[in-house]
Amino acid sequence: MVGMAREAGSLALRYFRSENRVWTKSGNSPVSQADIEVNEFLHDRLRAARPDYGWLSEESEHNDERLGRESVFVVDPIDGTRGFIAGQEQWSVCVAVVRDGRPQAGVVHCPAMDRTYAAALGEGAWLNDARLEPSASTTIGKVTGSKKLNADLAAHFGDSLEIVSFIPSLACRIVMVADGQLDGAFARSGAHDWDLAAAELILSEAGGAIFDLSGNPLQYNQAKLGFPSLLAAGPGRQVPLLALAKQGGFLQ
């Protein structure tokens, strides 16, 4: 799966900062020729390798056939399409295997940054060839979210926290918590399975967690897609990050 994600990333790089047809899809979000070609590549390669697996991707038509499959590929061919189109480096190819509602394996490949994050359930998380080790610190210093969330964070906590500039790919934000570049990340309601499944497993295998404002874990491949506001916290930071979010009141 890592190899396929890297091949998909190489395909996407052909369009990065180059000619790339772009249009608007339902929901008023952009999609590009690169998104579609990477999606088709991953669909053909992954389903050929595991024809009994279901399929759920941002760029494929959704149907309920996946709900009857024991295992499902959950894919975002390019997470952070707006950033990709704008020539920013923080976009990713995301591939996960979900079984019984939880991720079993995941890859978040960031081609423009030459960073590949991967994890398998119970086997740890890796960045390129280095195992991700939980940080001993539980201090919350660096956080980020959407542009609007970052403005709210700066207004409430600008004197005590470093607010890292907006990162277009939600998966990138989460794996940056996993590798210690960030202490926490926030997402308003509306994120989907393909944004989260691979990155969540990488974070959890590195000692962190993703949860909603009630502290609940996520369930994937459900009939209704979409999640409420979420927090991604590094090891030992779940309780203080949740307290910070509730204190600020900006994730309601």
C-alpha atoms as a PDB file:
ATOM      1  CA  MET A   1       0.000   0.000   0.000  1.00  0.00           C
ATOM      2  CA  VAL A   2       2.910   2.361   0.709  1.00  0.00           C
ATOM      3  CA  GLY A   3       4.320   1.673  -2.741  1.00  0.00           C
ATOM      4  CA  MET A   4       0.989   2.377  -4.421  1.00  0.00           C
ATOM      5  CA  ALA A   5       0.578   5.636  -2.494  1.00  0.00           C
ATOM      6  CA  ARG A   6       4.035   6.719  -3.605  1.00  0.00           C
ATOM      7  CA  GLU A   7       3.266   5.837  -7.224  1.00  0.00           C
ATOM      8  CA  ALA A   8       0.061   7.833  -6.933  1.00  0.00           C
ATOM      9  CA  GLY A   9       2.059  10.737  -5.538  1.00  0.00           C
ATOM     10  CA  SER A  10       4.434  10.616  -8.499  1.00  0.00           C
ATOM     11  CA  LEU A  11       1.435  10.803 -10.816  1.00  0.00           C
ATOM     12  CA  ALA A  12       0.059  13.808  -8.936  1.00  0.00           C
ATOM     13  CA  LEU A  13       3.429  15.571  -9.095  1.00  0.00           C
ATOM     14  CA  ARG A  14       3.178  15.670 -12.899  1.00  0.00           C
ATOM     15  CA  TYR A  15       0.350  18.181 -12.457  1.00  0.00           C
ATOM     16  CA  PHE A  16       1.730  20.046  -9.450  1.00  0.00           C
ATOM     17  CA  ARG A  17       2.675  23.620 -10.382  1.00  0.00           C
ATOM     18  CA  SER A  18       1.964  22.635 -13.980  1.00  0.00           C
ATOM     19  CA  GLU A  19      -0.969  22.514 -16.396  1.00  0.00           C
ATOM     20  CA  ASN A  20      -3.920  20.971 -14.566  1.00  0.00           C
ATOM     21  CA  ARG A  21      -7.571  21.324 -15.567  1.00  0.00           C
ATOM     22  CA  VAL A  22      -9.702  22.484 -12.625  1.00  0.00           C
ATOM     23  CA  TRP A  23     -13.487  22.690 -12.203  1.00  0.00           C
ATOM     24  CA  THR A  24     -16.041  22.960  -9.403  1.00  0.00           C
ATOM     25  CA  LYS A  25     -17.966  19.927  -8.173  1.00  0.00           C
ATOM     26  CA  SER A  26     -21.047  19.644  -5.976  1.00  0.00           C
ATOM     27  CA  GLY A  27     -20.593  21.385  -2.651  1.00  0.00           C
ATOM     28  CA  ASN A  28     -18.735  24.209  -4.413  1.00  0.00           C
ATOM     29  CA  SER A  29     -15.333  22.615  -3.848  1.00  0.00           C
ATOM     30  CA  PRO A  30     -12.635  22.354  -6.511  1.00  0.00           C
ATOM     31  CA  VAL A  31     -11.525  19.176  -8.241  1.00  0.00           C
ATOM     32  CA  SER A  32      -8.776  18.773 -10.800  1.00  0.00           C
ATOM     33  CA  GLN A  33      -7.606  16.444 -13.513  1.00  0.00           C
ATOM     34  CA  ALA A  34      -4.909  15.281 -11.098  1.00  0.00           C
ATOM     35  CA  ASP A  35      -7.518  14.267  -8.486  1.00  0.00           C
ATOM     36  CA  ILE A  36      -9.406  12.160 -11.017  1.00  0.00           C
ATOM     37  CA  GLU A  37      -6.364  10.448 -12.525  1.00  0.00           C
ATOM     38  CA  VAL A  38      -4.867   9.617  -9.130  1.00  0.00           C
ATOM     39  CA  ASN A  39      -8.232   8.291  -7.974  1.00  0.00           C
ATOM     40  CA  GLU A  40      -8.544   6.039 -11.028  1.00  0.00           C
ATOM     41  CA  PHE A  41      -4.984   4.773 -10.573  1.00  0.00           C
ATOM     42  CA  LEU A  42      -5.535   3.873  -6.924  1.00  0.00           C
ATOM     43  CA  HIS A  43      -8.937   2.317  -7.583  1.00  0.00           C
ATOM     44  CA  ASP A  44      -7.602   0.068 -10.332  1.00  0.00           C
ATOM     45  CA  ARG A  45      -4.457  -0.988  -8.461  1.00  0.00           C
ATOM     46  CA  LEU A  46      -5.975  -1.478  -5.014  1.00  0.00           C
ATOM     47  CA  ARG A  47      -9.126  -3.254  -6.167  1.00  0.00           C
ATOM     48  CA  ALA A  48      -7.051  -5.537  -8.390  1.00  0.00           C
ATOM     49  CA  ALA A  49      -4.979  -6.500  -5.342  1.00  0.00           C
ATOM     50  CA  ARG A  50      -8.020  -6.932  -3.046  1.00  0.00           C
ATOM     51  CA  PRO A  51     -11.161  -7.426  -5.173  1.00  0.00           C
ATOM     52  CA  ASP A  52     -13.229  -8.400  -2.127  1.00  0.00           C
ATOM     53  CA  TYR A  53     -12.657  -5.026  -0.431  1.00  0.00           C
ATOM     54  CA  GLY A  54     -15.186  -2.213  -0.650  1.00  0.00           C
ATOM     55  CA  TRP A  55     -14.306   1.265  -1.901  1.00  0.00           C
ATOM     56  CA  LEU A  56     -14.910   4.738  -0.471  1.00  0.00           C
ATOM     57  CA  SER A  57     -13.188   7.741  -2.033  1.00  0.00           C
ATOM     58  CA  GLU A  58     -13.811  11.467  -2.161  1.00  0.00           C
ATOM     59  CA  GLU A  59     -13.645  11.373  -5.952  1.00  0.00           C
ATOM     60  CA  SER A  60     -15.812   8.287  -6.595  1.00  0.00           C
ATOM     61  CA  GLU A  61     -19.592   8.063  -6.653  1.00  0.00           C
ATOM     62  CA  HIS A  62     -20.759   6.789  -3.278  1.00  0.00           C
ATOM     63  CA  ASN A  63     -23.017   3.773  -2.883  1.00  0.00           C
ATOM     64  CA  ASP A  64     -24.049   1.441  -0.076  1.00  0.00           C
ATOM     65  CA  GLU A  65     -22.254  -1.596  -1.515  1.00  0.00           C
ATOM     66  CA  ARG A  66     -19.300  -0.806   0.763  1.00  0.00           C
ATOM     67  CA  LEU A  67     -21.482  -1.267   3.855  1.00  0.00           C
ATOM     68  CA  GLY A  68     -21.734  -5.001   3.206  1.00  0.00           C
ATOM     69  CA  ARG A  69     -17.972  -5.508   2.895  1.00  0.00           C
ATOM     70  CA  GLU A  70     -15.857  -6.630   5.826  1.00  0.00           C
ATOM     71  CA  SER A  71     -12.941  -4.476   4.688  1.00  0.00           C
ATOM     72  CA  VAL A  72     -13.019  -1.189   2.777  1.00  0.00           C
ATOM     73  CA  PHE A  73     -10.377   0.961   1.107  1.00  0.00           C
ATOM     74  CA  VAL A  74     -10.863   4.583   2.181  1.00  0.00           C
ATOM     75  CA  VAL A  75      -9.040   6.963  -0.149  1.00  0.00           C
ATOM     76  CA  ASP A  76      -8.444  10.644  -0.735  1.00  0.00           C
ATOM     77  CA  PRO A  77      -6.411  10.882  -3.955  1.00  0.00           C
ATOM     78  CA  ILE A  78      -5.342  14.451  -3.139  1.00  0.00           C
ATOM     79  CA  ASP A  79      -6.194  15.776   0.306  1.00  0.00           C
ATOM     80  CA  GLY A  80      -5.784  19.536   0.220  1.00  0.00           C
ATOM     81  CA  THR A  81      -6.828  20.087  -3.392  1.00  0.00           C
ATOM     82  CA  ARG A  82      -7.047  23.860  -2.973  1.00  0.00           C
ATOM     83  CA  GLY A  83      -3.464  23.975  -1.740  1.00  0.00           C
ATOM     84  CA  PHE A  84      -2.353  21.632  -4.529  1.00  0.00           C
ATOM     85  CA  ILE A  85      -3.935  23.902  -7.146  1.00  0.00           C
ATOM     86  CA  ALA A  86      -2.321  26.958  -5.540  1.00  0.00           C
ATOM     87  CA  GLY A  87       1.128  25.345  -5.620  1.00  0.00           C
ATOM     88  CA  GLN A  88       1.448  24.842  -1.862  1.00  0.00           C
ATOM     89  CA  GLU A  89       3.409  21.805  -0.686  1.00  0.00           C
ATOM     90  CA  GLN A  90       1.097  20.642   2.113  1.00  0.00           C
ATOM     91  CA  TRP A  91      -1.146  18.167   0.272  1.00  0.00           C
ATOM     92  CA  SER A  92      -1.240  14.399   0.550  1.00  0.00           C
ATOM     93  CA  VAL A  93      -2.329  11.073  -0.888  1.00  0.00           C
ATOM     94  CA  CYS A  94      -4.312   9.162   1.746  1.00  0.00           C
ATOM     95  CA  VAL A  95      -5.061   5.426   1.708  1.00  0.00           C
ATOM     96  CA  ALA A  96      -6.538   3.383   4.560  1.00  0.00           C
ATOM     97  CA  VAL A  97      -8.000  -0.051   5.116  1.00  0.00           C
ATOM     98  CA  VAL A  98     -11.026   0.064   7.423  1.00  0.00           C
ATOM     99  CA  ARG A  99     -12.510  -3.037   9.028  1.00  0.00           C
ATOM    100  CA  ASP A 100     -15.541  -3.041  11.345  1.00  0.00           C
ATOM    101  CA  GLY A 101     -15.515   0.731  11.437  1.00  0.00           C
ATOM    102  CA  ARG A 102     -11.880   1.194  12.455  1.00  0.00           C
ATOM    103  CA  PRO A 103      -8.657   1.695  10.444  1.00  0.00           C
ATOM    104  CA  GLN A 104      -6.309  -1.287  10.269  1.00  0.00           C
ATOM    105  CA  ALA A 105      -3.616   0.163   7.992  1.00  0.00           C
ATOM    106  CA  GLY A 106      -2.957   3.644   6.684  1.00  0.00           C
ATOM    107  CA  VAL A 107      -0.626   5.718   4.537  1.00  0.00           C
ATOM    108  CA  VAL A 108      -0.415   9.503   4.255  1.00  0.00           C
ATOM    109  CA  HIS A 109       2.090  10.329   1.534  1.00  0.00           C
ATOM    110  CA  CYS A 110       3.150  13.972   1.108  1.00  0.00           C
ATOM    111  CA  PRO A 111       4.983  13.950  -2.248  1.00  0.00           C
ATOM    112  CA  ALA A 112       5.969  17.618  -2.427  1.00  0.00           C
ATOM    113  CA  MET A 113       7.598  17.341   1.018  1.00  0.00           C
ATOM    114  CA  ASP A 114       9.094  13.879   0.413  1.00  0.00           C
ATOM    115  CA  ARG A 115       7.427  12.540   3.560  1.00  0.00           C
ATOM    116  CA  THR A 116       5.605   9.214   3.811  1.00  0.00           C
ATOM    117  CA  TYR A 117       3.740   8.354   7.002  1.00  0.00           C
ATOM    118  CA  ALA A 118       2.472   4.801   7.486  1.00  0.00           C
ATOM    119  CA  ALA A 119       1.003   2.641  10.229  1.00  0.00           C
ATOM    120  CA  ALA A 120      -0.550  -0.756  10.844  1.00  0.00           C
ATOM    121  CA  LEU A 121      -2.735  -1.480  13.843  1.00  0.00           C
ATOM    122  CA  GLY A 122      -0.612  -2.611  16.783  1.00  0.00           C
ATOM    123  CA  GLU A 123       2.646  -2.287  14.844  1.00  0.00           C
ATOM    124  CA  GLY A 124       3.544   1.373  15.340  1.00  0.00           C
ATOM    125  CA  ALA A 125       3.800   4.347  12.994  1.00  0.00           C
ATOM    126  CA  TRP A 126       6.619   5.402  10.699  1.00  0.00           C
ATOM    127  CA  LEU A 127       7.847   8.515   8.909  1.00  0.00           C
ATOM    128  CA  ASN A 128       9.904   7.394   5.932  1.00  0.00           C
ATOM    129  CA  ASP A 129      12.313   4.914   7.580  1.00  0.00           C
ATOM    130  CA  ALA A 130      12.072   6.234  11.152  1.00  0.00           C
ATOM    131  CA  ARG A 131       9.641   4.962  13.763  1.00  0.00           C
ATOM    132  CA  LEU A 132       7.532   7.693  15.363  1.00  0.00           C
ATOM    133  CA  GLU A 133       8.054   7.734  19.114  1.00  0.00           C
ATOM    134  CA  PRO A 134       5.670   9.427  21.577  1.00  0.00           C
ATOM    135  CA  SER A 135       6.923  12.715  22.981  1.00  0.00           C
ATOM    136  CA  ALA A 136       7.635  12.852  26.703  1.00  0.00           C
ATOM    137  CA  SER A 137       6.282  16.408  26.903  1.00  0.00           C
ATOM    138  CA  THR A 138       2.584  17.090  27.502  1.00  0.00           C
ATOM    139  CA  THR A 139       2.804  20.859  27.006  1.00  0.00           C
ATOM    140  CA  ILE A 140       0.538  22.451  24.398  1.00  0.00           C
ATOM    141  CA  GLY A 141       2.563  25.024  22.476  1.00  0.00           C
ATOM    142  CA  LYS A 142       1.883  24.719  18.730  1.00  0.00           C
ATOM    143  CA  VAL A 143      -1.615  24.241  17.312  1.00  0.00           C
ATOM    144  CA  THR A 144      -3.464  24.848  14.060  1.00  0.00           C
ATOM    145  CA  GLY A 145      -6.844  24.528  12.378  1.00  0.00           C
ATOM    146  CA  SER A 146      -8.775  26.063   9.515  1.00  0.00           C
ATOM    147  CA  LYS A 147      -8.197  29.731   8.631  1.00  0.00           C
ATOM    148  CA  LYS A 148     -11.259  30.751  10.662  1.00  0.00           C
ATOM    149  CA  LEU A 149     -10.247  28.535  13.582  1.00  0.00           C
ATOM    150  CA  ASN A 150      -6.735  29.956  13.538  1.00  0.00           C
ATOM    151  CA  ALA A 151      -8.182  33.465  13.811  1.00  0.00           C
ATOM    152  CA  ASP A 152     -10.326  32.350  16.758  1.00  0.00           C
ATOM    153  CA  LEU A 153      -7.359  30.630  18.386  1.00  0.00           C
ATOM    154  CA  ALA A 154      -5.233  33.745  17.991  1.00  0.00           C
ATOM    155  CA  ALA A 155      -7.973  35.899  19.518  1.00  0.00           C
ATOM    156  CA  HIS A 156      -8.362  33.641  22.550  1.00  0.00           C
ATOM    157  CA  PHE A 157      -4.879  32.217  23.085  1.00  0.00           C
ATOM    158  CA  GLY A 158      -2.483  34.230  20.931  1.00  0.00           C
ATOM    159  CA  ASP A 159      -0.414  35.251  23.949  1.00  0.00           C
ATOM    160  CA  SER A 160       0.147  31.690  25.170  1.00  0.00           C
ATOM    161  CA  LEU A 161       0.134  29.517  22.020  1.00  0.00           C
ATOM    162  CA  GLU A 162       1.951  29.504  18.703  1.00  0.00           C
ATOM    163  CA  ILE A 163      -0.743  29.381  16.015  1.00  0.00           C
ATOM    164  CA  VAL A 164       0.768  27.634  12.992  1.00  0.00           C
ATOM    165  CA  SER A 165      -0.387  28.957   9.621  1.00  0.00           C
ATOM    166  CA  PHE A 166      -3.243  27.144   7.873  1.00  0.00           C
ATOM    167  CA  ILE A 167      -2.305  23.744   6.421  1.00  0.00           C
ATOM    168  CA  PRO A 168      -4.545  22.864   3.425  1.00  0.00           C
ATOM    169  CA  SER A 169      -4.511  19.094   3.997  1.00  0.00           C
ATOM    170  CA  LEU A 170      -6.300  17.953   7.162  1.00  0.00           C
ATOM    171  CA  ALA A 171      -4.406  14.664   6.977  1.00  0.00           C
ATOM    172  CA  CYS A 172      -1.134  16.622   6.953  1.00  0.00           C
ATOM    173  CA  ARG A 173      -2.211  18.504  10.066  1.00  0.00           C
ATOM    174  CA  ILE A 174      -2.936  15.253  11.871  1.00  0.00           C
ATOM    175  CA  VAL A 175       0.314  13.495  10.956  1.00  0.00           C
ATOM    176  CA  MET A 176       2.214  16.627  11.967  1.00  0.00           C
ATOM    177  CA  VAL A 177       0.736  16.068  15.421  1.00  0.00           C
ATOM    178  CA  ALA A 178       1.916  12.462  15.193  1.00  0.00           C
ATOM    179  CA  ASP A 179       5.513  13.450  14.430  1.00  0.00           C
ATOM    180  CA  GLY A 180       5.628  16.235  17.021  1.00  0.00           C
ATOM    181  CA  GLN A 181       5.643  19.255  14.708  1.00  0.00           C
ATOM    182  CA  LEU A 182       2.305  20.200  16.271  1.00  0.00           C
ATOM    183  CA  ASP A 183       0.887  19.558  19.727  1.00  0.00           C
ATOM    184  CA  GLY A 184      -2.706  19.679  18.556  1.00  0.00           C
ATOM    185  CA  ALA A 185      -4.939  20.335  15.561  1.00  0.00           C
ATOM    186  CA  PHE A 186      -8.583  21.303  15.257  1.00  0.00           C
ATOM    187  CA  ALA A 187     -11.216  20.675  12.591  1.00  0.00           C
ATOM    188  CA  ARG A 188     -14.708  22.101  12.380  1.00  0.00           C
ATOM    189  CA  SER A 189     -17.605  19.796  11.516  1.00  0.00           C
ATOM    190  CA  GLY A 190     -17.706  18.416   7.985  1.00  0.00           C
ATOM    191  CA  ALA A 191     -14.570  16.278   7.714  1.00  0.00           C
ATOM    192  CA  HIS A 192     -15.044  12.870   6.084  1.00  0.00           C
ATOM    193  CA  ASP A 193     -13.661   9.346   6.310  1.00  0.00           C
ATOM    194  CA  TRP A 194     -11.149   9.937   3.515  1.00  0.00           C
ATOM    195  CA  ASP A 195      -9.668  12.964   5.310  1.00  0.00           C
ATOM    196  CA  LEU A 196      -9.182  11.104   8.570  1.00  0.00           C
ATOM    197  CA  ALA A 197      -8.930   7.299   8.507  1.00  0.00           C
ATOM    198  CA  ALA A 198      -5.279   6.897   7.491  1.00  0.00           C
ATOM    199  CA  ALA A 199      -4.059   9.883   9.493  1.00  0.00           C
ATOM    200  CA  GLU A 200      -5.930   8.828  12.624  1.00  0.00           C
ATOM    201  CA  LEU A 201      -4.279   5.414  12.672  1.00  0.00           C
ATOM    202  CA  ILE A 202      -0.845   6.988  12.247  1.00  0.00           C
ATOM    203  CA  LEU A 203      -1.535   9.372  15.121  1.00  0.00           C
ATOM    204  CA  SER A 204      -2.919   6.677  17.423  1.00  0.00           C
ATOM    205  CA  GLU A 205       0.015   4.354  16.730  1.00  0.00           C
ATOM    206  CA  ALA A 206       2.302   7.266  17.676  1.00  0.00           C
ATOM    207  CA  GLY A 207       0.478   7.641  21.003  1.00  0.00           C
ATOM    208  CA  GLY A 208      -2.011  10.395  20.142  1.00  0.00           C
ATOM    209  CA  ALA A 209      -5.747  10.433  19.483  1.00  0.00           C
ATOM    210  CA  ILE A 210      -8.564  12.052  17.502  1.00  0.00           C
ATOM    211  CA  PHE A 211     -11.888  12.626  19.232  1.00  0.00           C
ATOM    212  CA  ASP A 212     -14.962  14.860  19.248  1.00  0.00           C
ATOM    213  CA  LEU A 213     -15.940  17.398  21.895  1.00  0.00           C
ATOM    214  CA  SER A 214     -17.511  14.641  23.983  1.00  0.00           C
ATOM    215  CA  GLY A 215     -14.295  12.630  23.874  1.00  0.00           C
ATOM    216  CA  ASN A 216     -15.798   9.974  21.601  1.00  0.00           C
ATOM    217  CA  PRO A 217     -13.667   8.010  19.101  1.00  0.00           C
ATOM    218  CA  LEU A 218     -14.557   7.887  15.400  1.00  0.00           C
ATOM    219  CA  GLN A 219     -16.382   5.177  13.465  1.00  0.00           C
ATOM    220  CA  TYR A 220     -15.740   4.861   9.739  1.00  0.00           C
ATOM    221  CA  ASN A 221     -17.632   3.387   6.784  1.00  0.00           C
ATOM    222  CA  GLN A 222     -21.024   4.269   8.189  1.00  0.00           C
ATOM    223  CA  ALA A 223     -24.199   4.859   6.183  1.00  0.00           C
ATOM    224  CA  LYS A 224     -24.097   8.577   7.008  1.00  0.00           C
ATOM    225  CA  LEU A 225     -20.787  10.216   6.141  1.00  0.00           C
ATOM    226  CA  GLY A 226     -19.318  13.219   7.938  1.00  0.00           C
ATOM    227  CA  PHE A 227     -18.059  14.035  11.421  1.00  0.00           C
ATOM    228  CA  PRO A 228     -18.659  16.754  14.017  1.00  0.00           C
ATOM    229  CA  SER A 229     -15.933  19.129  15.174  1.00  0.00           C
ATOM    230  CA  LEU A 230     -12.787  17.198  16.055  1.00  0.00           C
ATOM    231  CA  LEU A 231      -9.510  17.520  17.919  1.00  0.00           C
ATOM    232  CA  ALA A 232      -6.227  15.740  17.191  1.00  0.00           C
ATOM    233  CA  ALA A 233      -3.959  15.608  20.222  1.00  0.00           C
ATOM    234  CA  GLY A 234      -0.438  14.404  20.760  1.00  0.00           C
ATOM    235  CA  PRO A 235       0.432  11.903  23.513  1.00  0.00           C
ATOM    236  CA  GLY A 236      -0.712  13.062  26.940  1.00  0.00           C
ATOM    237  CA  ARG A 237      -2.354  16.185  25.522  1.00  0.00           C
ATOM    238  CA  GLN A 238      -5.935  14.988  25.026  1.00  0.00           C
ATOM    239  CA  VAL A 239      -7.351  16.370  28.291  1.00  0.00           C
ATOM    240  CA  PRO A 240      -5.693  19.823  28.152  1.00  0.00           C
ATOM    241  CA  LEU A 241      -6.497  20.231  24.436  1.00  0.00           C
ATOM    242  CA  LEU A 242     -10.168  19.417  25.024  1.00  0.00           C
ATOM    243  CA  ALA A 243     -10.237  21.859  27.943  1.00  0.00           C
ATOM    244  CA  LEU A 244      -8.680  24.525  25.731  1.00  0.00           C
ATOM    245  CA  ALA A 245     -11.284  23.980  22.992  1.00  0.00           C
ATOM    246  CA  LYS A 246     -14.165  24.165  25.462  1.00  0.00           C
ATOM    247  CA  GLN A 247     -12.706  27.247  27.124  1.00  0.00           C
ATOM    248  CA  GLY A 248     -12.459  29.034  23.790  1.00  0.00           C
ATOM    249  CA  GLY A 249     -15.910  27.894  22.692  1.00  0.00           C
ATOM    250  CA  PHE A 250     -14.961  28.051  19.013  1.00  0.00           C
ATOM    251  CA  LEU A 251     -15.690  24.416  18.107  1.00  0.00           C
ATOM    252  CA  GLN A 252     -19.390  24.325  18.988  1.00  0.00           C
END
